[in-house]
Amino acid sequence: MAFRKKADLILTYKPDILIVPECEHPDKLLFPIGTLNPTDTLWFGKNQNKGLAIFSYSNFRFTVLDNHNQDLQMIIPIAVTDGQFDFNLFAIWANNPTDRNGQYIEQIWKAVHHYKDLLTDTKTILVGDFNSNTIWDRKHRESNHSNVVKLLEAKGIFSTYHIHHHQTQGTEEHPTLFMYRHKDKPYHIDYCFASKDLLEKVSSVEIGDFDEWVKYSDHVPVVVTFDN
């Protein structure tokens, strides 16, 4: 939250595209003088202080796809274009307390099925706070984290972190969340999945350091760099 106070820190990474869960509405984003303003912005949510924001700090422009399912409140299908390279981006904050059938990974499970024709092994990225990990799988429930990963992999879409760092789902070495900002409560719940063609262009996947970021958030940044 309070992204306006943290933008300068994130912008030192010079992002082309930035996904920010728990971000205030753009009308509240009164950036300090000298802070770079985004070139394009989308925002979704019902709480003006805590929604899902997608920012461009480049030539990329955003258009929400026509088949956006608004029941999947915080999983947003976006056409990203810059005149040279276009792709589909699914911005994710898996958090829908109004869904009695499951507000976290179940949302992504439903989205993978709803958008199945858009999820291909080319020009596709899913990124954000999944609020899930294999360690929380409910074995009796089909819509668990491991099965979401399997569905995506069957479509040629893989976790950039796990491929780049040779990690296994559920045993990640680098946490992205420290619950209640406690260093002894680490979890990996933020992901960037990319189609095979984009996966080949990943040059780095960085996970922020607890000591550097704990004063700003219980999450640390996930920074994925693609060549070209």
Protein backbone atom coordinates (compact mmCIF):
# COMPACT_ATOMS: atom_id res chain seq x y z
CA MET A 1 0.00 0.00 0.00
CA ALA A 2 0.95 3.71 -0.26
CA PHE A 3 2.67 3.07 -3.58
CA ARG A 4 3.14 6.81 -4.07
CA LYS A 5 5.72 6.70 -1.25
CA LYS A 6 7.57 3.71 -2.73
CA ALA A 7 7.55 4.43 -6.46
CA ASP A 8 11.02 5.99 -6.47
CA LEU A 9 12.49 2.82 -4.92
CA ILE A 10 10.91 0.55 -7.52
CA LEU A 11 11.78 2.88 -10.37
CA THR A 12 15.48 2.45 -9.69
CA TYR A 13 15.00 -0.90 -11.47
CA LYS A 14 13.80 0.99 -14.57
CA PRO A 15 10.80 -1.26 -15.21
CA ASP A 16 9.03 -1.33 -18.56
CA ILE A 17 5.90 -2.77 -16.94
CA LEU A 18 5.05 -2.80 -13.25
CA ILE A 19 2.33 -4.86 -11.54
CA VAL A 20 1.38 -3.53 -8.09
CA PRO A 21 -1.19 -5.35 -5.92
CA GLU A 22 -2.66 -3.43 -2.98
CA CYS A 23 -2.18 -0.13 -4.82
CA GLU A 24 -4.31 2.94 -4.26
CA HIS A 25 -6.53 4.31 -7.05
CA PRO A 26 -4.70 6.52 -9.59
CA ASP A 27 -6.64 9.54 -8.31
CA LYS A 28 -4.82 9.11 -5.00
CA LEU A 29 -1.39 8.66 -6.56
CA LEU A 30 0.08 12.05 -5.80
CA PHE A 31 3.70 11.31 -6.56
CA PRO A 32 6.45 13.51 -5.10
CA ILE A 33 7.93 16.13 -7.39
CA GLY A 34 10.58 14.53 -9.56
CA THR A 35 9.07 11.03 -9.53
CA LEU A 36 8.64 9.66 -13.03
CA ASN A 37 4.99 9.33 -14.02
CA PRO A 38 3.77 6.21 -15.84
CA THR A 39 2.98 6.46 -19.54
CA ASP A 40 -0.09 4.22 -19.20
CA THR A 41 -2.10 2.93 -16.23
CA LEU A 42 -4.86 0.44 -15.51
CA TRP A 43 -6.42 -0.01 -12.08
CA PHE A 44 -9.01 -2.46 -10.76
CA GLY A 45 -10.73 -2.80 -7.42
CA LYS A 46 -13.56 -1.73 -5.16
CA ASN A 47 -11.44 -0.27 -2.36
CA GLN A 48 -9.90 3.00 -3.52
CA ASN A 49 -6.97 2.43 -1.19
CA LYS A 50 -6.18 -1.15 -2.19
CA GLY A 51 -6.59 -2.39 -5.75
CA LEU A 52 -4.55 -3.92 -8.56
CA ALA A 53 -2.52 -1.49 -10.68
CA ILE A 54 -0.68 -2.06 -13.94
CA PHE A 55 1.77 0.66 -14.96
CA SER A 56 3.79 1.22 -18.12
CA TYR A 57 7.04 3.14 -17.94
CA SER A 58 7.83 2.54 -21.59
CA ASN A 59 6.19 2.57 -25.02
CA PHE A 60 3.92 -0.32 -24.06
CA ARG A 61 0.21 0.48 -24.00
CA PHE A 62 -2.59 -1.51 -22.39
CA THR A 63 -6.05 -2.58 -23.56
CA VAL A 64 -8.28 -4.83 -21.46
CA LEU A 65 -9.41 -7.76 -23.57
CA ASP A 66 -13.10 -7.98 -24.46
CA ASN A 67 -13.67 -11.32 -22.76
CA HIS A 68 -12.56 -10.06 -19.35
CA ASN A 69 -14.56 -12.03 -16.78
CA GLN A 70 -15.38 -9.51 -14.06
CA ASP A 71 -16.34 -12.29 -11.65
CA LEU A 72 -12.61 -13.05 -11.55
CA GLN A 73 -12.10 -9.63 -10.07
CA MET A 74 -8.35 -9.39 -9.81
CA ILE A 75 -7.16 -11.44 -12.79
CA ILE A 76 -7.03 -9.01 -15.68
CA PRO A 77 -6.39 -10.07 -19.31
CA ILE A 78 -4.55 -7.29 -21.13
CA ALA A 79 -3.33 -6.80 -24.68
CA VAL A 80 0.09 -5.14 -24.44
CA THR A 81 1.27 -3.32 -27.56
CA ASP A 82 4.13 -1.05 -28.54
CA GLY A 83 4.03 -1.26 -32.33
CA GLN A 84 6.93 -3.71 -32.47
CA PHE A 85 6.22 -6.50 -29.99
CA ASP A 86 2.73 -7.36 -28.73
CA PHE A 87 1.70 -9.97 -26.18
CA ASN A 88 -1.05 -10.94 -23.74
CA LEU A 89 -0.49 -10.15 -20.08
CA PHE A 90 -2.56 -11.52 -17.21
CA ALA A 91 -2.09 -9.25 -14.20
CA ILE A 92 -2.95 -11.15 -11.02
CA TRP A 93 -3.79 -10.46 -7.42
CA ALA A 94 -5.52 -13.66 -6.35
CA ASN A 95 -7.85 -12.24 -3.73
CA ASN A 96 -11.64 -12.48 -4.01
CA PRO A 97 -13.28 -12.84 -0.58
CA THR A 98 -16.74 -12.79 -2.18
CA ASP A 99 -16.16 -16.17 -3.85
CA ARG A 100 -17.34 -18.86 -1.44
CA ASN A 101 -15.72 -21.54 -3.57
CA GLY A 102 -12.26 -20.13 -2.96
CA GLN A 103 -10.71 -16.70 -3.03
CA TYR A 104 -7.06 -17.43 -3.78
CA ILE A 105 -5.56 -20.09 -6.06
CA GLU A 106 -9.09 -21.18 -7.00
CA GLN A 107 -9.47 -17.84 -8.78
CA ILE A 108 -6.49 -18.62 -10.97
CA TRP A 109 -7.78 -22.14 -11.60
CA LYS A 110 -11.05 -20.67 -12.87
CA ALA A 111 -9.19 -18.08 -14.96
CA VAL A 112 -6.97 -20.69 -16.62
CA HIS A 113 -10.11 -22.47 -17.76
CA HIS A 114 -12.03 -19.33 -18.73
CA TYR A 115 -9.14 -17.92 -20.77
CA LYS A 116 -7.91 -21.27 -22.10
CA ASP A 117 -7.99 -20.08 -25.72
CA LEU A 118 -5.74 -17.11 -24.87
CA LEU A 119 -3.22 -19.14 -22.92
CA THR A 120 -0.76 -20.35 -25.54
CA ASP A 121 2.93 -21.20 -25.76
CA THR A 122 3.67 -17.87 -27.46
CA LYS A 123 3.51 -14.25 -26.32
CA THR A 124 1.83 -14.92 -22.97
CA ILE A 125 2.72 -13.77 -19.45
CA LEU A 126 0.92 -14.27 -16.14
CA VAL A 127 2.38 -12.24 -13.29
CA GLY A 128 1.51 -11.07 -9.81
CA ASP A 129 0.55 -12.18 -6.32
CA PHE A 130 -0.89 -15.70 -6.59
CA ASN A 131 -1.31 -15.99 -2.81
CA SER A 132 -0.46 -19.67 -3.16
CA ASN A 133 2.22 -22.31 -3.02
CA THR A 134 2.36 -26.08 -3.41
CA ILE A 135 2.88 -26.43 0.35
CA TRP A 136 -0.76 -25.41 0.84
CA ASP A 137 -2.23 -27.87 -1.65
CA ARG A 138 -5.48 -29.44 -0.56
CA LYS A 139 -5.14 -32.92 -1.93
CA HIS A 140 -8.89 -33.43 -2.13
CA ARG A 141 -9.35 -30.19 -4.07
CA GLU A 142 -8.59 -30.18 -7.78
CA SER A 143 -8.05 -26.42 -7.90
CA ASN A 144 -4.79 -26.39 -5.96
CA HIS A 145 -1.47 -24.74 -6.77
CA SER A 146 0.25 -27.81 -8.18
CA ASN A 147 -2.59 -28.47 -10.60
CA VAL A 148 -2.62 -24.86 -11.77
CA VAL A 149 1.10 -25.17 -12.52
CA LYS A 150 0.48 -28.42 -14.40
CA LEU A 151 -2.29 -26.84 -16.47
CA LEU A 152 -0.07 -23.92 -17.44
CA GLU A 153 2.88 -26.14 -18.25
CA ALA A 154 0.65 -28.29 -20.47
CA LYS A 155 -0.02 -25.10 -22.43
CA GLY A 156 3.69 -24.31 -22.72
CA ILE A 157 3.75 -21.68 -19.94
CA PHE A 158 6.32 -21.96 -17.14
CA SER A 159 7.44 -20.14 -14.01
CA THR A 160 10.40 -17.95 -14.90
CA TYR A 161 11.81 -18.14 -11.37
CA HIS A 162 11.70 -21.92 -11.16
CA ILE A 163 13.24 -22.44 -14.59
CA HIS A 164 15.91 -19.76 -14.24
CA HIS A 165 16.98 -20.76 -10.73
CA HIS A 166 16.42 -24.52 -11.16
CA GLN A 167 13.90 -24.62 -8.34
CA THR A 168 11.07 -27.02 -7.52
CA GLN A 169 7.57 -25.82 -6.66
CA GLY A 170 7.15 -25.85 -2.88
CA THR A 171 10.86 -25.82 -1.97
CA GLU A 172 11.85 -22.35 -3.20
CA GLU A 173 15.08 -20.90 -1.82
CA HIS A 174 13.96 -17.28 -2.23
CA PRO A 175 10.79 -16.11 -0.42
CA THR A 176 8.68 -13.30 -1.84
CA LEU A 177 6.54 -12.78 1.28
CA PHE A 178 7.52 -12.46 4.92
CA MET A 179 4.25 -12.76 6.78
CA TYR A 180 3.68 -9.89 9.21
CA ARG A 181 7.19 -8.78 8.15
CA HIS A 182 8.71 -11.57 10.21
CA LYS A 183 11.89 -13.01 8.77
CA ASP A 184 11.03 -16.41 10.24
CA LYS A 185 7.74 -16.60 8.29
CA PRO A 186 8.97 -16.76 4.66
CA TYR A 187 6.83 -17.90 1.72
CA HIS A 188 7.12 -17.85 -2.07
CA ILE A 189 3.74 -16.69 -3.41
CA ASP A 190 4.53 -14.17 -6.19
CA TYR A 191 5.21 -15.47 -9.69
CA CYS A 192 5.87 -14.61 -13.30
CA PHE A 193 4.86 -17.36 -15.74
CA ALA A 194 5.89 -16.95 -19.37
CA SER A 195 5.28 -18.84 -22.60
CA LYS A 196 8.14 -20.88 -24.07
CA ASP A 197 9.15 -18.25 -26.62
CA LEU A 198 9.52 -15.59 -23.92
CA LEU A 199 11.09 -17.98 -21.44
CA GLU A 200 13.99 -18.37 -23.84
CA LYS A 201 14.61 -14.62 -23.59
CA VAL A 202 14.76 -14.43 -19.78
CA SER A 203 18.17 -13.09 -18.79
CA SER A 204 17.57 -12.69 -15.05
CA VAL A 205 15.00 -13.25 -12.30
CA GLU A 206 15.73 -11.26 -9.15
CA ILE A 207 13.96 -11.60 -5.81
CA GLY A 208 14.25 -8.65 -3.44
CA ASP A 209 16.17 -8.90 -0.17
CA PHE A 210 14.26 -8.98 3.13
CA ASP A 211 16.55 -6.57 4.95
CA GLU A 212 16.28 -4.01 2.15
CA TRP A 213 12.50 -4.14 1.73
CA VAL A 214 11.00 -5.04 5.11
CA LYS A 215 10.53 -1.40 6.08
CA TYR A 216 8.38 -0.87 2.99
CA SER A 217 6.33 -4.05 2.62
CA ASP A 218 5.80 -7.64 3.72
CA HIS A 219 6.46 -8.60 0.07
CA VAL A 220 9.69 -8.15 -1.85
CA PRO A 221 9.86 -7.34 -5.58
CA VAL A 222 10.11 -10.00 -8.25
CA VAL A 223 12.05 -8.52 -11.19
CA VAL A 224 12.13 -10.46 -14.46
CA THR A 225 14.32 -9.20 -17.30
CA PHE A 226 13.79 -10.30 -20.91
CA ASP A 227 16.37 -9.76 -23.64
CA ASN A 228 15.40 -7.73 -26.71
